[in-house]
Amino acid sequence: MSRVVGCIAALPVPAFPAAVEARWEAQNRTVWNELEHASEERELVYEIGWIAERGIWRRFLRTNRKVQSCTNHAL
């Protein structure tokens, strides 16, 4: 039986390429809340950026939160 001794060098990790253009987009949508069995308004915030290597735009949902009703009793 032979034995191979060697060293595995760590491969360099390429840096994440800088986006040509990146922006945030917020949308308010009415969605169904299955736990409460009711419709509710949610604010969805997306990060949109360009992937140069693929020549496409990408879109990630970054935040999903319930919109708080705003009532002003001081009128």
PDB file of N, CA and C in Angstrom:
ATOM      1  N   MET A   1       0.851  -1.163   0.000  1.00  0.00           N
ATOM      2  CA  MET A   1       0.000   0.000   0.000  1.00  0.00           C
ATOM      3  C   MET A   1       0.897   1.226   0.000  1.00  0.00           C
ATOM      4  N   SER A   2       0.656   2.125  -0.904  1.00  0.00           N
ATOM      5  CA  SER A   2       1.454   3.346  -0.953  1.00  0.00           C
ATOM      6  C   SER A   2       0.694   4.485  -0.295  1.00  0.00           C
ATOM      7  N   ARG A   3       1.448   5.419   0.161  1.00  0.00           N
ATOM      8  CA  ARG A   3       0.855   6.544   0.872  1.00  0.00           C
ATOM      9  C   ARG A   3       1.206   7.826   0.124  1.00  0.00           C
ATOM     10  N   VAL A   4       0.210   8.649  -0.115  1.00  0.00           N
ATOM     11  CA  VAL A   4       0.436   9.915  -0.809  1.00  0.00           C
ATOM     12  C   VAL A   4       0.326  11.032   0.214  1.00  0.00           C
ATOM     13  N   VAL A   5       1.380  11.785   0.316  1.00  0.00           N
ATOM     14  CA  VAL A   5       1.395  12.914   1.242  1.00  0.00           C
ATOM     15  C   VAL A   5       1.424  14.173   0.402  1.00  0.00           C
ATOM     16  N   GLY A   6       0.583  15.090   0.723  1.00  0.00           N
ATOM     17  CA  GLY A   6       0.557  16.330  -0.037  1.00  0.00           C
ATOM     18  C   GLY A   6      -0.101  17.436   0.760  1.00  0.00           C
ATOM     19  N   CYS A   7      -0.106  18.565   0.167  1.00  0.00           N
ATOM     20  CA  CYS A   7      -0.711  19.736   0.800  1.00  0.00           C
ATOM     21  C   CYS A   7      -1.715  20.320  -0.185  1.00  0.00           C
ATOM     22  N   ILE A   8      -2.864  20.570   0.291  1.00  0.00           N
ATOM     23  CA  ILE A   8      -3.882  21.186  -0.554  1.00  0.00           C
ATOM     24  C   ILE A   8      -3.912  22.671  -0.229  1.00  0.00           C
ATOM     25  N   ALA A   9      -3.523  23.471  -1.172  1.00  0.00           N
ATOM     26  CA  ALA A   9      -3.513  24.919  -0.970  1.00  0.00           C
ATOM     27  C   ALA A   9      -4.932  25.451  -1.097  1.00  0.00           C
ATOM     28  N   ALA A  10      -5.212  26.449  -0.321  1.00  0.00           N
ATOM     29  CA  ALA A  10      -6.530  27.082  -0.397  1.00  0.00           C
ATOM     30  C   ALA A  10      -6.662  27.810  -1.723  1.00  0.00           C
ATOM     31  N   LEU A  11      -7.762  27.584  -2.378  1.00  0.00           N
ATOM     32  CA  LEU A  11      -8.009  28.246  -3.650  1.00  0.00           C
ATOM     33  C   LEU A  11      -8.450  29.677  -3.400  1.00  0.00           C
ATOM     34  N   PRO A  12      -7.985  30.603  -4.206  1.00  0.00           N
ATOM     35  CA  PRO A  12      -8.430  31.989  -4.018  1.00  0.00           C
ATOM     36  C   PRO A  12      -9.912  32.113  -4.345  1.00  0.00           C
ATOM     37  N   VAL A  13     -10.614  32.815  -3.523  1.00  0.00           N
ATOM     38  CA  VAL A  13     -12.044  33.035  -3.717  1.00  0.00           C
ATOM     39  C   VAL A  13     -12.213  34.337  -4.477  1.00  0.00           C
ATOM     40  N   PRO A  14     -12.861  34.281  -5.631  1.00  0.00           N
ATOM     41  CA  PRO A  14     -13.033  35.531  -6.384  1.00  0.00           C
ATOM     42  C   PRO A  14     -13.947  36.491  -5.639  1.00  0.00           C
ATOM     43  N   ALA A  15     -13.613  37.739  -5.712  1.00  0.00           N
ATOM     44  CA  ALA A  15     -14.431  38.765  -5.065  1.00  0.00           C
ATOM     45  C   ALA A  15     -15.757  38.882  -5.807  1.00  0.00           C
ATOM     46  N   PHE A  16     -16.798  39.228  -5.064  1.00  0.00           N
ATOM     47  CA  PHE A  16     -18.104  39.440  -5.690  1.00  0.00           C
ATOM     48  C   PHE A  16     -17.991  40.644  -6.604  1.00  0.00           C
ATOM     49  N   PRO A  17     -18.353  40.501  -7.877  1.00  0.00           N
ATOM     50  CA  PRO A  17     -18.187  41.619  -8.807  1.00  0.00           C
ATOM     51  C   PRO A  17     -19.078  42.795  -8.434  1.00  0.00           C
ATOM     52  N   ALA A  18     -18.537  43.955  -8.615  1.00  0.00           N
ATOM     53  CA  ALA A  18     -19.311  45.167  -8.332  1.00  0.00           C
ATOM     54  C   ALA A  18     -20.455  45.267  -9.330  1.00  0.00           C
ATOM     55  N   ALA A  19     -21.605  45.600  -8.840  1.00  0.00           N
ATOM     56  CA  ALA A  19     -22.777  45.718  -9.708  1.00  0.00           C
ATOM     57  C   ALA A  19     -22.658  46.973 -10.568  1.00  0.00           C
ATOM     58  N   VAL A  20     -23.058  46.840 -11.802  1.00  0.00           N
ATOM     59  CA  VAL A  20     -23.081  47.995 -12.683  1.00  0.00           C
ATOM     60  C   VAL A  20     -24.136  48.967 -12.194  1.00  0.00           C
ATOM     61  N   GLU A  21     -25.243  48.422 -11.792  1.00  0.00           N
ATOM     62  CA  GLU A  21     -26.328  49.235 -11.268  1.00  0.00           C
ATOM     63  C   GLU A  21     -27.081  48.402 -10.233  1.00  0.00           C
ATOM     64  N   ALA A  22     -27.318  48.984  -9.090  1.00  0.00           N
ATOM     65  CA  ALA A  22     -28.107  48.309  -8.058  1.00  0.00           C
ATOM     66  C   ALA A  22     -29.061  49.324  -7.462  1.00  0.00           C
ATOM     67  N   ARG A  23     -30.248  48.872  -7.145  1.00  0.00           N
ATOM     68  CA  ARG A  23     -31.231  49.778  -6.543  1.00  0.00           C
ATOM     69  C   ARG A  23     -32.187  48.970  -5.678  1.00  0.00           C
ATOM     70  N   TRP A  24     -32.963  49.669  -4.877  1.00  0.00           N
ATOM     71  CA  TRP A  24     -33.972  49.062  -4.020  1.00  0.00           C
ATOM     72  C   TRP A  24     -35.336  49.488  -4.538  1.00  0.00           C
ATOM     73  N   GLU A  25     -36.267  48.562  -4.503  1.00  0.00           N
ATOM     74  CA  GLU A  25     -37.628  48.843  -4.966  1.00  0.00           C
ATOM     75  C   GLU A  25     -38.602  48.325  -3.917  1.00  0.00           C
ATOM     76  N   ALA A  26     -39.533  49.170  -3.508  1.00  0.00           N
ATOM     77  CA  ALA A  26     -40.532  48.779  -2.508  1.00  0.00           C
ATOM     78  C   ALA A  26     -41.906  48.714  -3.164  1.00  0.00           C
ATOM     79  N   GLN A  27     -42.663  47.698  -2.783  1.00  0.00           N
ATOM     80  CA  GLN A  27     -44.029  47.532  -3.284  1.00  0.00           C
ATOM     81  C   GLN A  27     -44.927  47.179  -2.114  1.00  0.00           C
ATOM     82  N   ASN A  28     -46.096  47.774  -2.075  1.00  0.00           N
ATOM     83  CA  ASN A  28     -47.106  47.378  -1.099  1.00  0.00           C
ATOM     84  C   ASN A  28     -48.103  46.470  -1.801  1.00  0.00           C
ATOM     85  N   ARG A  29     -48.308  45.297  -1.216  1.00  0.00           N
ATOM     86  CA  ARG A  29     -49.209  44.307  -1.815  1.00  0.00           C
ATOM     87  C   ARG A  29     -50.136  43.745  -0.759  1.00  0.00           C
ATOM     88  N   THR A  30     -51.330  43.405  -1.179  1.00  0.00           N
ATOM     89  CA  THR A  30     -52.270  42.731  -0.303  1.00  0.00           C
ATOM     90  C   THR A  30     -52.068  41.235  -0.487  1.00  0.00           C
ATOM     91  N   VAL A  31     -51.804  40.559   0.625  1.00  0.00           N
ATOM     92  CA  VAL A  31     -51.549  39.116   0.587  1.00  0.00           C
ATOM     93  C   VAL A  31     -52.449  38.417   1.597  1.00  0.00           C
ATOM     94  N   TRP A  32     -52.570  37.116   1.448  1.00  0.00           N
ATOM     95  CA  TRP A  32     -53.380  36.311   2.354  1.00  0.00           C
ATOM     96  C   TRP A  32     -52.492  35.785   3.481  1.00  0.00           C
ATOM     97  N   ASN A  33     -52.890  36.045   4.729  1.00  0.00           N
ATOM     98  CA  ASN A  33     -52.184  35.522   5.891  1.00  0.00           C
ATOM     99  C   ASN A  33     -52.894  34.249   6.319  1.00  0.00           C
ATOM    100  N   GLU A  34     -52.258  33.114   6.073  1.00  0.00           N
ATOM    101  CA  GLU A  34     -52.869  31.817   6.351  1.00  0.00           C
ATOM    102  C   GLU A  34     -53.066  31.597   7.854  1.00  0.00           C
ATOM    103  N   LEU A  35     -52.161  32.115   8.678  1.00  0.00           N
ATOM    104  CA  LEU A  35     -52.274  31.915  10.129  1.00  0.00           C
ATOM    105  C   LEU A  35     -53.463  32.662  10.722  1.00  0.00           C
ATOM    106  N   GLU A  36     -53.713  33.881  10.212  1.00  0.00           N
ATOM    107  CA  GLU A  36     -54.818  34.692  10.725  1.00  0.00           C
ATOM    108  C   GLU A  36     -56.075  34.580   9.868  1.00  0.00           C
ATOM    109  N   HIS A  37     -55.984  33.870   8.758  1.00  0.00           N
ATOM    110  CA  HIS A  37     -57.112  33.719   7.820  1.00  0.00           C
ATOM    111  C   HIS A  37     -57.706  35.073   7.446  1.00  0.00           C
ATOM    112  N   ALA A  38     -56.812  35.975   7.039  1.00  0.00           N
ATOM    113  CA  ALA A  38     -57.253  37.324   6.671  1.00  0.00           C
ATOM    114  C   ALA A  38     -56.276  37.915   5.656  1.00  0.00           C
ATOM    115  N   SER A  39     -56.783  38.872   4.903  1.00  0.00           N
ATOM    116  CA  SER A  39     -55.921  39.620   3.992  1.00  0.00           C
ATOM    117  C   SER A  39     -55.219  40.719   4.773  1.00  0.00           C
ATOM    118  N   GLU A  40     -53.977  41.007   4.391  1.00  0.00           N
ATOM    119  CA  GLU A  40     -53.236  42.085   5.036  1.00  0.00           C
ATOM    120  C   GLU A  40     -52.309  42.732   4.025  1.00  0.00           C
ATOM    121  N   GLU A  41     -51.986  43.982   4.275  1.00  0.00           N
ATOM    122  CA  GLU A  41     -51.089  44.694   3.382  1.00  0.00           C
ATOM    123  C   GLU A  41     -49.656  44.500   3.866  1.00  0.00           C
ATOM    124  N   ARG A  42     -48.763  44.137   2.923  1.00  0.00           N
ATOM    125  CA  ARG A  42     -47.358  43.890   3.241  1.00  0.00           C
ATOM    126  C   ARG A  42     -46.480  44.798   2.388  1.00  0.00           C
ATOM    127  N   GLU A  43     -45.376  45.247   2.952  1.00  0.00           N
ATOM    128  CA  GLU A  43     -44.385  46.000   2.197  1.00  0.00           C
ATOM    129  C   GLU A  43     -43.266  45.039   1.808  1.00  0.00           C
ATOM    130  N   LEU A  44     -43.029  44.909   0.506  1.00  0.00           N
ATOM    131  CA  LEU A  44     -41.993  44.030  -0.015  1.00  0.00           C
ATOM    132  C   LEU A  44     -40.875  44.901  -0.583  1.00  0.00           C
ATOM    133  N   VAL A  45     -39.649  44.728  -0.089  1.00  0.00           N
ATOM    134  CA  VAL A  45     -38.507  45.502  -0.571  1.00  0.00           C
ATOM    135  C   VAL A  45     -37.578  44.556  -1.313  1.00  0.00           C
ATOM    136  N   TYR A  46     -37.294  44.899  -2.568  1.00  0.00           N
ATOM    137  CA  TYR A  46     -36.445  44.089  -3.433  1.00  0.00           C
ATOM    138  C   TYR A  46     -35.131  44.814  -3.704  1.00  0.00           C
ATOM    139  N   GLU A  47     -34.043  44.058  -3.772  1.00  0.00           N
ATOM    140  CA  GLU A  47     -32.763  44.576  -4.247  1.00  0.00           C
ATOM    141  C   GLU A  47     -32.634  44.120  -5.690  1.00  0.00           C
ATOM    142  N   ILE A  48     -32.405  45.067  -6.585  1.00  0.00           N
ATOM    143  CA  ILE A  48     -32.317  44.770  -8.008  1.00  0.00           C
ATOM    144  C   ILE A  48     -30.926  45.163  -8.484  1.00  0.00           C
ATOM    145  N   GLY A  49     -30.252  44.249  -9.154  1.00  0.00           N
ATOM    146  CA  GLY A  49     -28.900  44.531  -9.631  1.00  0.00           C
ATOM    147  C   GLY A  49     -28.608  43.788 -10.922  1.00  0.00           C
ATOM    148  N   TRP A  50     -27.554  44.220 -11.593  1.00  0.00           N
ATOM    149  CA  TRP A  50     -27.144  43.661 -12.866  1.00  0.00           C
ATOM    150  C   TRP A  50     -26.030  42.644 -12.650  1.00  0.00           C
ATOM    151  N   ILE A  51     -26.156  41.457 -13.247  1.00  0.00           N
ATOM    152  CA  ILE A  51     -25.096  40.451 -13.211  1.00  0.00           C
ATOM    153  C   ILE A  51     -24.432  40.473 -14.584  1.00  0.00           C
ATOM    154  N   ALA A  52     -23.254  41.084 -14.640  1.00  0.00           N
ATOM    155  CA  ALA A  52     -22.563  41.273 -15.922  1.00  0.00           C
ATOM    156  C   ALA A  52     -22.160  39.946 -16.558  1.00  0.00           C
ATOM    157  N   GLU A  53     -21.736  38.965 -15.740  1.00  0.00           N
ATOM    158  CA  GLU A  53     -21.284  37.688 -16.281  1.00  0.00           C
ATOM    159  C   GLU A  53     -22.382  36.953 -17.033  1.00  0.00           C
ATOM    160  N   ARG A  54     -23.608  37.122 -16.604  1.00  0.00           N
ATOM    161  CA  ARG A  54     -24.734  36.431 -17.247  1.00  0.00           C
ATOM    162  C   ARG A  54     -25.542  37.339 -18.162  1.00  0.00           C
ATOM    163  N   GLY A  55     -25.301  38.633 -18.039  1.00  0.00           N
ATOM    164  CA  GLY A  55     -26.036  39.577 -18.874  1.00  0.00           C
ATOM    165  C   GLY A  55     -27.511  39.661 -18.518  1.00  0.00           C
ATOM    166  N   ILE A  56     -27.815  39.514 -17.217  1.00  0.00           N
ATOM    167  CA  ILE A  56     -29.210  39.556 -16.782  1.00  0.00           C
ATOM    168  C   ILE A  56     -29.347  40.392 -15.513  1.00  0.00           C
ATOM    169  N   TRP A  57     -30.563  40.810 -15.243  1.00  0.00           N
ATOM    170  CA  TRP A  57     -30.886  41.470 -13.987  1.00  0.00           C
ATOM    171  C   TRP A  57     -31.263  40.406 -12.977  1.00  0.00           C
ATOM    172  N   ARG A  58     -30.967  40.644 -11.727  1.00  0.00           N
ATOM    173  CA  ARG A  58     -31.408  39.748 -10.664  1.00  0.00           C
ATOM    174  C   ARG A  58     -32.224  40.559  -9.670  1.00  0.00           C
ATOM    175  N   ARG A  59     -33.127  39.867  -9.000  1.00  0.00           N
ATOM    176  CA  ARG A  59     -34.053  40.530  -8.082  1.00  0.00           C
ATOM    177  C   ARG A  59     -34.217  39.635  -6.864  1.00  0.00           C
ATOM    178  N   PHE A  60     -33.851  40.173  -5.685  1.00  0.00           N
ATOM    179  CA  PHE A  60     -33.952  39.433  -4.435  1.00  0.00           C
ATOM    180  C   PHE A  60     -34.901  40.131  -3.492  1.00  0.00           C
ATOM    181  N   LEU A  61     -35.777  39.361  -2.869  1.00  0.00           N
ATOM    182  CA  LEU A  61     -36.645  39.911  -1.837  1.00  0.00           C
ATOM    183  C   LEU A  61     -35.802  40.087  -0.576  1.00  0.00           C
ATOM    184  N   ARG A  62     -35.663  41.322  -0.102  1.00  0.00           N
ATOM    185  CA  ARG A  62     -34.824  41.617   1.051  1.00  0.00           C
ATOM    186  C   ARG A  62     -35.639  41.783   2.334  1.00  0.00           C
ATOM    187  N   THR A  63     -36.832  42.372   2.228  1.00  0.00           N
ATOM    188  CA  THR A  63     -37.651  42.626   3.411  1.00  0.00           C
ATOM    189  C   THR A  63     -39.111  42.362   3.089  1.00  0.00           C
ATOM    190  N   ASN A  64     -39.788  41.738   4.024  1.00  0.00           N
ATOM    191  CA  ASN A  64     -41.217  41.466   3.897  1.00  0.00           C
ATOM    192  C   ASN A  64     -41.823  41.781   5.255  1.00  0.00           C
ATOM    193  N   ARG A  65     -42.502  42.914   5.354  1.00  0.00           N
ATOM    194  CA  ARG A  65     -43.068  43.283   6.656  1.00  0.00           C
ATOM    195  C   ARG A  65     -44.490  43.807   6.518  1.00  0.00           C
ATOM    196  N   LYS A  66     -45.226  43.661   7.594  1.00  0.00           N
ATOM    197  CA  LYS A  66     -46.613  44.097   7.625  1.00  0.00           C
ATOM    198  C   LYS A  66     -46.663  45.619   7.694  1.00  0.00           C
ATOM    199  N   VAL A  67     -47.535  46.216   6.888  1.00  0.00           N
ATOM    200  CA  VAL A  67     -47.724  47.663   6.889  1.00  0.00           C
ATOM    201  C   VAL A  67     -48.605  48.022   8.071  1.00  0.00           C
ATOM    202  N   GLN A  68     -48.091  48.893   8.916  1.00  0.00           N
ATOM    203  CA  GLN A  68     -48.853  49.335  10.082  1.00  0.00           C
ATOM    204  C   GLN A  68     -49.859  50.397   9.657  1.00  0.00           C
ATOM    205  N   SER A  69     -51.078  50.292  10.118  1.00  0.00           N
ATOM    206  CA  SER A  69     -52.074  51.292   9.783  1.00  0.00           C
ATOM    207  C   SER A  69     -51.716  52.587  10.491  1.00  0.00           C
ATOM    208  N   CYS A  70     -51.858  53.669   9.780  1.00  0.00           N
ATOM    209  CA  CYS A  70     -51.486  54.983  10.308  1.00  0.00           C
ATOM    210  C   CYS A  70     -52.771  55.769  10.571  1.00  0.00           C
ATOM    211  N   THR A  71     -53.062  55.988  11.830  1.00  0.00           N
ATOM    212  CA  THR A  71     -54.241  56.776  12.191  1.00  0.00           C
ATOM    213  C   THR A  71     -53.790  58.001  12.953  1.00  0.00           C
ATOM    214  N   ASN A  72     -54.350  59.129  12.611  1.00  0.00           N
ATOM    215  CA  ASN A  72     -53.990  60.379  13.246  1.00  0.00           C
ATOM    216  C   ASN A  72     -55.206  60.886  14.008  1.00  0.00           C
ATOM    217  N   HIS A  73     -55.159  60.782  15.330  1.00  0.00           N
ATOM    218  CA  HIS A  73     -56.286  61.208  16.161  1.00  0.00           C
ATOM    219  C   HIS A  73     -56.219  62.674  16.524  1.00  0.00           C
ATOM    220  N   ALA A  74     -55.184  63.397  16.109  1.00  0.00           N
ATOM    221  CA  ALA A  74     -55.013  64.795  16.486  1.00  0.00           C
ATOM    222  C   ALA A  74     -55.691  65.748  15.512  1.00  0.00           C
ATOM    223  N   LEU A  75     -56.509  65.257  14.601  1.00  0.00           N
ATOM    224  CA  LEU A  75     -57.169  66.143  13.636  1.00  0.00           C
ATOM    225  C   LEU A  75     -58.240  66.946  14.245  1.00  0.00           C
TER     226      LEU A  75
END
